[in-house]
PDB file of N, CA and C in Angstrom:
ATOM      1  N   MET A   1       1.508  61.003 -60.465  1.00  0.00           N
ATOM      2  CA  MET A   1       1.974  60.826 -59.251  1.00  0.00           C
ATOM      3  C   MET A   1       1.202  59.907 -58.688  1.00  0.00           C
ATOM      4  N   LEU A   2       0.037  59.399 -59.104  1.00  0.00           N
ATOM      5  CA  LEU A   2      -1.108  58.311 -58.598  1.00  0.00           C
ATOM      6  C   LEU A   2      -0.471  56.897 -58.525  1.00  0.00           C
ATOM      7  N   THR A   3       0.271  56.976 -59.318  1.00  0.00           N
ATOM      8  CA  THR A   3       0.938  55.505 -59.637  1.00  0.00           C
ATOM      9  C   THR A   3       2.579  55.411 -59.664  1.00  0.00           C
ATOM     10  N   THR A   4       2.941  56.571 -59.004  1.00  0.00           N
ATOM     11  CA  THR A   4       4.530  56.445 -58.982  1.00  0.00           C
ATOM     12  C   THR A   4       4.966  56.995 -57.421  1.00  0.00           C
ATOM     13  N   THR A   5       6.035  56.471 -57.717  1.00  0.00           N
ATOM     14  CA  THR A   5       6.701  56.932 -55.962  1.00  0.00           C
ATOM     15  C   THR A   5       7.720  57.934 -56.322  1.00  0.00           C
ATOM     16  N   PRO A   6       7.960  59.037 -55.301  1.00  0.00           N
ATOM     17  CA  PRO A   6       8.654  60.045 -55.520  1.00  0.00           C
ATOM     18  C   PRO A   6      10.468  59.445 -55.982  1.00  0.00           C
ATOM     19  N   VAL A   7      10.904  58.521 -55.668  1.00  0.00           N
ATOM     20  CA  VAL A   7      12.095  58.254 -56.274  1.00  0.00           C
ATOM     21  C   VAL A   7      12.111  57.887 -57.977  1.00  0.00           C
ATOM     22  N   GLU A   8      10.972  57.297 -58.239  1.00  0.00           N
ATOM     23  CA  GLU A   8      10.705  57.151 -59.736  1.00  0.00           C
ATOM     24  C   GLU A   8      10.639  58.298 -60.320  1.00  0.00           C
ATOM     25  N   LEU A   9      10.125  59.434 -59.736  1.00  0.00           N
ATOM     26  CA  LEU A   9      10.306  60.860 -60.524  1.00  0.00           C
ATOM     27  C   LEU A   9      11.451  61.854 -60.101  1.00  0.00           C
ATOM     28  N   GLY A  10      12.424  61.141 -59.733  1.00  0.00           N
ATOM     29  CA  GLY A  10      13.766  61.290 -59.493  1.00  0.00           C
ATOM     30  C   GLY A  10      13.993  62.301 -58.027  1.00  0.00           C
ATOM     31  N   TRP A  11      13.036  61.889 -57.112  1.00  0.00           N
ATOM     32  CA  TRP A  11      12.952  62.389 -55.735  1.00  0.00           C
ATOM     33  C   TRP A  11      13.519  61.588 -54.922  1.00  0.00           C
ATOM     34  N   ASP A  12      15.068  61.667 -54.502  1.00  0.00           N
ATOM     35  CA  ASP A  12      15.836  60.510 -53.904  1.00  0.00           C
ATOM     36  C   ASP A  12      15.772  60.903 -52.193  1.00  0.00           C
ATOM     37  N   VAL A  13      14.683  61.903 -51.829  1.00  0.00           N
ATOM     38  CA  VAL A  13      14.672  61.886 -50.373  1.00  0.00           C
ATOM     39  C   VAL A  13      13.759  61.134 -49.750  1.00  0.00           C
ATOM     40  N   ALA A  14      12.924  60.480 -50.401  1.00  0.00           N
ATOM     41  CA  ALA A  14      11.774  59.743 -49.601  1.00  0.00           C
ATOM     42  C   ALA A  14      11.253  58.513 -50.558  1.00  0.00           C
ATOM     43  N   SER A  15      10.796  57.712 -49.740  1.00  0.00           N
ATOM     44  CA  SER A  15      10.011  56.519 -50.723  1.00  0.00           C
ATOM     45  C   SER A  15       8.627  56.807 -51.152  1.00  0.00           C
ATOM     46  N   ALA A  16       7.579  57.625 -50.459  1.00  0.00           N
ATOM     47  CA  ALA A  16       6.819  57.934 -50.155  1.00  0.00           C
ATOM     48  C   ALA A  16       6.364  59.108 -50.164  1.00  0.00           C
ATOM     49  N   TRP A  17       5.029  59.574 -50.705  1.00  0.00           N
ATOM     50  CA  TRP A  17       4.861  60.993 -51.265  1.00  0.00           C
ATOM     51  C   TRP A  17       4.295  61.947 -49.859  1.00  0.00           C
ATOM     52  N   ASN A  18       4.458  62.994 -49.491  1.00  0.00           N
ATOM     53  CA  ASN A  18       3.858  63.627 -48.521  1.00  0.00           C
ATOM     54  C   ASN A  18       3.844  65.257 -49.313  1.00  0.00           C
ATOM     55  N   THR A  19       3.266  65.906 -48.436  1.00  0.00           N
ATOM     56  CA  THR A  19       2.671  66.998 -49.075  1.00  0.00           C
ATOM     57  C   THR A  19       3.758  68.215 -49.591  1.00  0.00           C
ATOM     58  N   LYS A  20       5.065  68.223 -48.754  1.00  0.00           N
ATOM     59  CA  LYS A  20       6.221  68.793 -49.237  1.00  0.00           C
ATOM     60  C   LYS A  20       6.685  68.455 -50.591  1.00  0.00           C
ATOM     61  N   LEU A  21       6.701  67.161 -50.763  1.00  0.00           N
ATOM     62  CA  LEU A  21       7.293  66.439 -51.742  1.00  0.00           C
ATOM     63  C   LEU A  21       6.143  66.838 -52.998  1.00  0.00           C
ATOM     64  N   LEU A  22       5.116  66.891 -53.015  1.00  0.00           N
ATOM     65  CA  LEU A  22       3.513  66.726 -53.857  1.00  0.00           C
ATOM     66  C   LEU A  22       3.659  68.583 -54.013  1.00  0.00           C
ATOM     67  N   GLN A  23       3.989  69.194 -53.181  1.00  0.00           N
ATOM     68  CA  GLN A  23       4.044  70.757 -53.487  1.00  0.00           C
ATOM     69  C   GLN A  23       4.957  71.175 -54.253  1.00  0.00           C
ATOM     70  N   SER A  24       5.965  70.754 -53.770  1.00  0.00           N
ATOM     71  CA  SER A  24       7.108  70.872 -55.217  1.00  0.00           C
ATOM     72  C   SER A  24       7.010  70.092 -56.512  1.00  0.00           C
ATOM     73  N   ASP A  25       6.636  68.698 -56.642  1.00  0.00           N
ATOM     74  CA  ASP A  25       6.340  68.330 -57.796  1.00  0.00           C
ATOM     75  C   ASP A  25       5.396  68.960 -58.888  1.00  0.00           C
ATOM     76  N   VAL A  26       4.130  69.816 -58.179  1.00  0.00           N
ATOM     77  CA  VAL A  26       3.036  70.244 -58.909  1.00  0.00           C
ATOM     78  C   VAL A  26       3.686  71.437 -59.291  1.00  0.00           C
ATOM     79  N   GLU A  27       4.477  72.121 -58.224  1.00  0.00           N
ATOM     80  CA  GLU A  27       5.113  73.473 -59.042  1.00  0.00           C
ATOM     81  C   GLU A  27       6.416  72.915 -60.245  1.00  0.00           C
ATOM     82  N   LYS A  28       6.945  72.126 -60.046  1.00  0.00           N
ATOM     83  CA  LYS A  28       7.677  71.883 -61.189  1.00  0.00           C
ATOM     84  C   LYS A  28       6.995  71.376 -62.502  1.00  0.00           C
ATOM     85  N   HIS A  29       6.194  70.378 -62.278  1.00  0.00           N
ATOM     86  CA  HIS A  29       5.573  70.140 -63.546  1.00  0.00           C
ATOM     87  C   HIS A  29       4.654  71.172 -64.111  1.00  0.00           C
ATOM     88  N   PHE A  30       3.846  71.814 -63.145  1.00  0.00           N
ATOM     89  CA  PHE A  30       2.573  72.229 -63.706  1.00  0.00           C
ATOM     90  C   PHE A  30       2.875  73.994 -63.574  1.00  0.00           C
ATOM     91  N   GLY A  31       4.133  74.487 -62.975  1.00  0.00           N
ATOM     92  CA  GLY A  31       4.194  75.866 -62.866  1.00  0.00           C
ATOM     93  C   GLY A  31       3.008  76.533 -61.771  1.00  0.00           C
ATOM     94  N   VAL A  32       2.644  75.876 -60.951  1.00  0.00           N
ATOM     95  CA  VAL A  32       1.557  76.161 -60.078  1.00  0.00           C
ATOM     96  C   VAL A  32       2.046  76.146 -58.527  1.00  0.00           C
ATOM     97  N   CYS A  33       2.007  76.999 -57.723  1.00  0.00           N
ATOM     98  CA  CYS A  33       2.443  77.396 -56.463  1.00  0.00           C
ATOM     99  C   CYS A  33       1.121  77.030 -55.565  1.00  0.00           C
ATOM    100  N   ILE A  34       1.006  76.467 -54.811  1.00  0.00           N
ATOM    101  CA  ILE A  34      -0.031  75.892 -53.914  1.00  0.00           C
ATOM    102  C   ILE A  34       0.521  75.944 -52.508  1.00  0.00           C
ATOM    103  N   SER A  35      -0.225  75.730 -51.500  1.00  0.00           N
ATOM    104  CA  SER A  35       0.440  75.988 -50.165  1.00  0.00           C
ATOM    105  C   SER A  35       0.046  74.369 -50.048  1.00  0.00           C
ATOM    106  N   ARG A  36       0.979  73.792 -49.064  1.00  0.00           N
ATOM    107  CA  ARG A  36       0.613  72.706 -48.443  1.00  0.00           C
ATOM    108  C   ARG A  36      -0.535  72.308 -47.841  1.00  0.00           C
ATOM    109  N   GLU A  37      -1.484  73.130 -47.533  1.00  0.00           N
ATOM    110  CA  GLU A  37      -2.690  72.801 -46.411  1.00  0.00           C
ATOM    111  C   GLU A  37      -3.674  73.057 -47.878  1.00  0.00           C
ATOM    112  N   ALA A  38      -3.591  73.649 -48.762  1.00  0.00           N
ATOM    113  CA  ALA A  38      -4.387  74.038 -49.736  1.00  0.00           C
ATOM    114  C   ALA A  38      -4.158  72.505 -50.685  1.00  0.00           C
ATOM    115  N   LEU A  39      -3.168  72.381 -51.009  1.00  0.00           N
ATOM    116  CA  LEU A  39      -3.290  70.636 -51.582  1.00  0.00           C
ATOM    117  C   LEU A  39      -3.609  69.547 -51.087  1.00  0.00           C
ATOM    118  N   ARG A  40      -3.521  69.575 -49.465  1.00  0.00           N
ATOM    119  CA  ARG A  40      -3.893  68.249 -48.654  1.00  0.00           C
ATOM    120  C   ARG A  40      -5.471  68.757 -48.759  1.00  0.00           C
ATOM    121  N   LYS A  41      -6.259  70.066 -48.840  1.00  0.00           N
ATOM    122  CA  LYS A  41      -7.386  70.142 -48.682  1.00  0.00           C
ATOM    123  C   LYS A  41      -8.284  69.530 -50.383  1.00  0.00           C
ATOM    124  N   LEU A  42      -7.247  69.886 -50.987  1.00  0.00           N
ATOM    125  CA  LEU A  42      -7.913  69.558 -52.499  1.00  0.00           C
ATOM    126  C   LEU A  42      -7.828  67.816 -52.733  1.00  0.00           C
ATOM    127  N   LEU A  43      -6.763  67.321 -51.911  1.00  0.00           N
ATOM    128  CA  LEU A  43      -6.732  65.988 -52.178  1.00  0.00           C
ATOM    129  C   LEU A  43      -7.717  65.389 -51.623  1.00  0.00           C
ATOM    130  N   HIS A  44      -8.078  65.939 -50.319  1.00  0.00           N
ATOM    131  CA  HIS A  44      -9.379  65.393 -49.678  1.00  0.00           C
ATOM    132  C   HIS A  44     -10.945  65.460 -50.338  1.00  0.00           C
ATOM    133  N   ARG A  45     -10.790  66.668 -51.091  1.00  0.00           N
ATOM    134  CA  ARG A  45     -12.121  66.890 -51.726  1.00  0.00           C
ATOM    135  C   ARG A  45     -12.067  65.869 -52.868  1.00  0.00           C
ATOM    136  N   LYS A  46     -10.987  65.623 -53.538  1.00  0.00           N
ATOM    137  CA  LYS A  46     -10.975  64.750 -54.595  1.00  0.00           C
ATOM    138  C   LYS A  46     -11.057  63.306 -54.316  1.00  0.00           C
ATOM    139  N   GLY A  47     -11.351  62.919 -52.941  1.00  0.00           N
ATOM    140  CA  GLY A  47     -11.476  61.801 -52.187  1.00  0.00           C
ATOM    141  C   GLY A  47     -10.032  60.937 -52.379  1.00  0.00           C
ATOM    142  N   LEU A  48      -8.887  61.808 -52.571  1.00  0.00           N
ATOM    143  CA  LEU A  48      -7.508  61.189 -52.354  1.00  0.00           C
ATOM    144  C   LEU A  48      -7.113  61.317 -50.712  1.00  0.00           C
ATOM    145  N   SER A  49      -6.181  60.429 -50.435  1.00  0.00           N
ATOM    146  CA  SER A  49      -5.319  60.752 -49.172  1.00  0.00           C
ATOM    147  C   SER A  49      -4.150  59.971 -49.285  1.00  0.00           C
ATOM    148  N   TRP A  50      -3.357  60.361 -48.328  1.00  0.00           N
ATOM    149  CA  TRP A  50      -2.037  59.956 -48.100  1.00  0.00           C
ATOM    150  C   TRP A  50      -1.967  59.351 -46.556  1.00  0.00           C
ATOM    151  N   THR A  51      -1.080  58.258 -46.588  1.00  0.00           N
ATOM    152  CA  THR A  51      -0.477  58.115 -45.279  1.00  0.00           C
ATOM    153  C   THR A  51       0.775  57.887 -45.331  1.00  0.00           C
ATOM    154  N   ARG A  52       1.338  57.862 -44.274  1.00  0.00           N
ATOM    155  CA  ARG A  52       2.580  57.793 -43.778  1.00  0.00           C
ATOM    156  C   ARG A  52       3.179  56.405 -44.357  1.00  0.00           C
ATOM    157  N   SER A  53       4.364  56.178 -44.480  1.00  0.00           N
ATOM    158  CA  SER A  53       4.753  55.068 -44.767  1.00  0.00           C
ATOM    159  C   SER A  53       5.457  53.918 -43.409  1.00  0.00           C
ATOM    160  N   ALA A  54       4.939  53.118 -43.761  1.00  0.00           N
ATOM    161  CA  ALA A  54       4.978  52.136 -42.329  1.00  0.00           C
ATOM    162  C   ALA A  54       6.521  51.486 -42.525  1.00  0.00           C
ATOM    163  N   TYR A  55       7.102  51.812 -41.407  1.00  0.00           N
ATOM    164  CA  TYR A  55       8.533  51.075 -41.145  1.00  0.00           C
ATOM    165  C   TYR A  55       7.933  49.386 -41.273  1.00  0.00           C
ATOM    166  N   THR A  56       8.853  48.808 -41.723  1.00  0.00           N
ATOM    167  CA  THR A  56       8.855  47.181 -41.540  1.00  0.00           C
ATOM    168  C   THR A  56      10.092  46.753 -41.278  1.00  0.00           C
ATOM    169  N   LEU A  57      10.645  45.700 -40.606  1.00  0.00           N
ATOM    170  CA  LEU A  57      11.798  45.349 -39.961  1.00  0.00           C
ATOM    171  C   LEU A  57      12.291  44.183 -41.030  1.00  0.00           C
ATOM    172  N   ALA A  58      13.458  43.984 -41.095  1.00  0.00           N
ATOM    173  CA  ALA A  58      13.884  42.904 -42.069  1.00  0.00           C
ATOM    174  C   ALA A  58      13.752  41.745 -40.958  1.00  0.00           C
ATOM    175  N   LYS A  59      13.587  40.650 -41.629  1.00  0.00           N
ATOM    176  CA  LYS A  59      13.529  39.455 -41.110  1.00  0.00           C
ATOM    177  C   LYS A  59      14.860  39.054 -40.088  1.00  0.00           C
ATOM    178  N   GLY A  60      14.533  38.778 -39.018  1.00  0.00           N
ATOM    179  CA  GLY A  60      15.756  38.239 -38.154  1.00  0.00           C
ATOM    180  C   GLY A  60      16.231  36.932 -38.118  1.00  0.00           C
ATOM    181  N   ASP A  61      17.443  36.907 -37.714  1.00  0.00           N
ATOM    182  CA  ASP A  61      18.274  35.515 -37.652  1.00  0.00           C
ATOM    183  C   ASP A  61      17.301  34.670 -36.608  1.00  0.00           C
ATOM    184  N   PRO A  62      16.701  33.673 -37.344  1.00  0.00           N
ATOM    185  CA  PRO A  62      15.953  32.282 -36.533  1.00  0.00           C
ATOM    186  C   PRO A  62      16.987  32.345 -35.313  1.00  0.00           C
ATOM    187  N   ASP A  63      18.292  31.713 -35.475  1.00  0.00           N
ATOM    188  CA  ASP A  63      18.840  31.271 -34.413  1.00  0.00           C
ATOM    189  C   ASP A  63      19.168  32.310 -33.184  1.00  0.00           C
ATOM    190  N   ARG A  64      19.509  33.507 -33.806  1.00  0.00           N
ATOM    191  CA  ARG A  64      19.533  34.395 -32.994  1.00  0.00           C
ATOM    192  C   ARG A  64      18.247  34.648 -32.126  1.00  0.00           C
ATOM    193  N   GLN A  65      17.470  34.782 -32.458  1.00  0.00           N
ATOM    194  CA  GLN A  65      16.102  34.956 -31.953  1.00  0.00           C
ATOM    195  C   GLN A  65      15.678  33.906 -30.629  1.00  0.00           C
ATOM    196  N   LYS A  66      16.081  32.748 -31.163  1.00  0.00           N
ATOM    197  CA  LYS A  66      15.812  31.368 -30.156  1.00  0.00           C
ATOM    198  C   LYS A  66      16.934  31.809 -29.073  1.00  0.00           C
ATOM    199  N   ASN A  67      17.973  32.162 -29.449  1.00  0.00           N
ATOM    200  CA  ASN A  67      18.855  32.529 -28.239  1.00  0.00           C
ATOM    201  C   ASN A  67      18.520  33.596 -27.117  1.00  0.00           C
ATOM    202  N   PHE A  68      18.243  34.647 -27.918  1.00  0.00           N
ATOM    203  CA  PHE A  68      17.356  35.692 -27.106  1.00  0.00           C
ATOM    204  C   PHE A  68      16.158  35.123 -26.356  1.00  0.00           C
ATOM    205  N   GLU A  69      15.365  34.436 -26.627  1.00  0.00           N
ATOM    206  CA  GLU A  69      14.175  33.945 -26.143  1.00  0.00           C
ATOM    207  C   GLU A  69      14.855  33.130 -24.670  1.00  0.00           C
ATOM    208  N   LYS A  70      15.998  32.356 -24.963  1.00  0.00           N
ATOM    209  CA  LYS A  70      16.359  31.349 -23.955  1.00  0.00           C
ATOM    210  C   LYS A  70      16.762  32.540 -22.860  1.00  0.00           C
ATOM    211  N   GLN A  71      17.671  33.533 -23.277  1.00  0.00           N
ATOM    212  CA  GLN A  71      18.170  34.468 -22.140  1.00  0.00           C
ATOM    213  C   GLN A  71      17.249  35.135 -21.493  1.00  0.00           C
ATOM    214  N   ILE A  72      15.830  35.433 -22.288  1.00  0.00           N
ATOM    215  CA  ILE A  72      15.045  36.267 -21.520  1.00  0.00           C
ATOM    216  C   ILE A  72      14.125  35.115 -20.369  1.00  0.00           C
ATOM    217  N   ASP A  73      14.139  34.053 -20.835  1.00  0.00           N
ATOM    218  CA  ASP A  73      13.682  32.834 -19.991  1.00  0.00           C
ATOM    219  C   ASP A  73      14.400  32.948 -18.966  1.00  0.00           C
ATOM    220  N   PHE A  74      15.533  32.951 -19.077  1.00  0.00           N
ATOM    221  CA  PHE A  74      16.495  32.582 -17.760  1.00  0.00           C
ATOM    222  C   PHE A  74      16.363  33.768 -16.923  1.00  0.00           C
ATOM    223  N   LEU A  75      16.241  34.966 -17.283  1.00  0.00           N
ATOM    224  CA  LEU A  75      16.401  35.995 -16.677  1.00  0.00           C
ATOM    225  C   LEU A  75      14.960  36.221 -16.094  1.00  0.00           C
ATOM    226  N   LYS A  76      14.058  35.494 -16.501  1.00  0.00           N
ATOM    227  CA  LYS A  76      12.677  35.516 -15.447  1.00  0.00           C
ATOM    228  C   LYS A  76      12.717  34.587 -14.689  1.00  0.00           C
ATOM    229  N   LYS A  77      13.394  33.358 -14.837  1.00  0.00           N
ATOM    230  CA  LYS A  77      13.380  32.438 -13.796  1.00  0.00           C
ATOM    231  C   LYS A  77      14.362  33.132 -12.643  1.00  0.00           C
ATOM    232  N   LEU A  78      15.163  33.944 -13.155  1.00  0.00           N
ATOM    233  CA  LEU A  78      16.170  34.368 -12.035  1.00  0.00           C
ATOM    234  C   LEU A  78      15.349  35.447 -11.119  1.00  0.00           C
ATOM    235  N   ASN A  79      14.700  36.221 -11.833  1.00  0.00           N
ATOM    236  CA  ASN A  79      13.583  36.894 -10.912  1.00  0.00           C
ATOM    237  C   ASN A  79      12.526  36.447 -10.489  1.00  0.00           C
ATOM    238  N   GLY A  80      12.092  35.477 -10.714  1.00  0.00           N
ATOM    239  CA  GLY A  80      11.001  34.367  -9.846  1.00  0.00           C
ATOM    240  C   GLY A  80       9.512  35.092 -10.666  1.00  0.00           C
ATOM    241  N   SER A  81       9.616  35.229 -11.996  1.00  0.00           N
ATOM    242  CA  SER A  81       8.523  35.884 -12.686  1.00  0.00           C
ATOM    243  C   SER A  81       7.939  34.394 -13.492  1.00  0.00           C
TER     244      SER A  81
END
């Protein structure tokens, strides 16, 4: 779990670990039922933590971006900004 993503272990619902997935994976692989809060506290005691995945936007079309900037500049001039 430390070096893999959920997708690599057969979970197709997320690209990053969360406590719900960890809870299910611990039960599946180790046969241990543990609450999500207890799992979170255990990770914290072991110096581990998880973060929410960040959304990254795909690179935009430079021509469309320039056109959009021109439109915004035009609208600003109309409003006297």
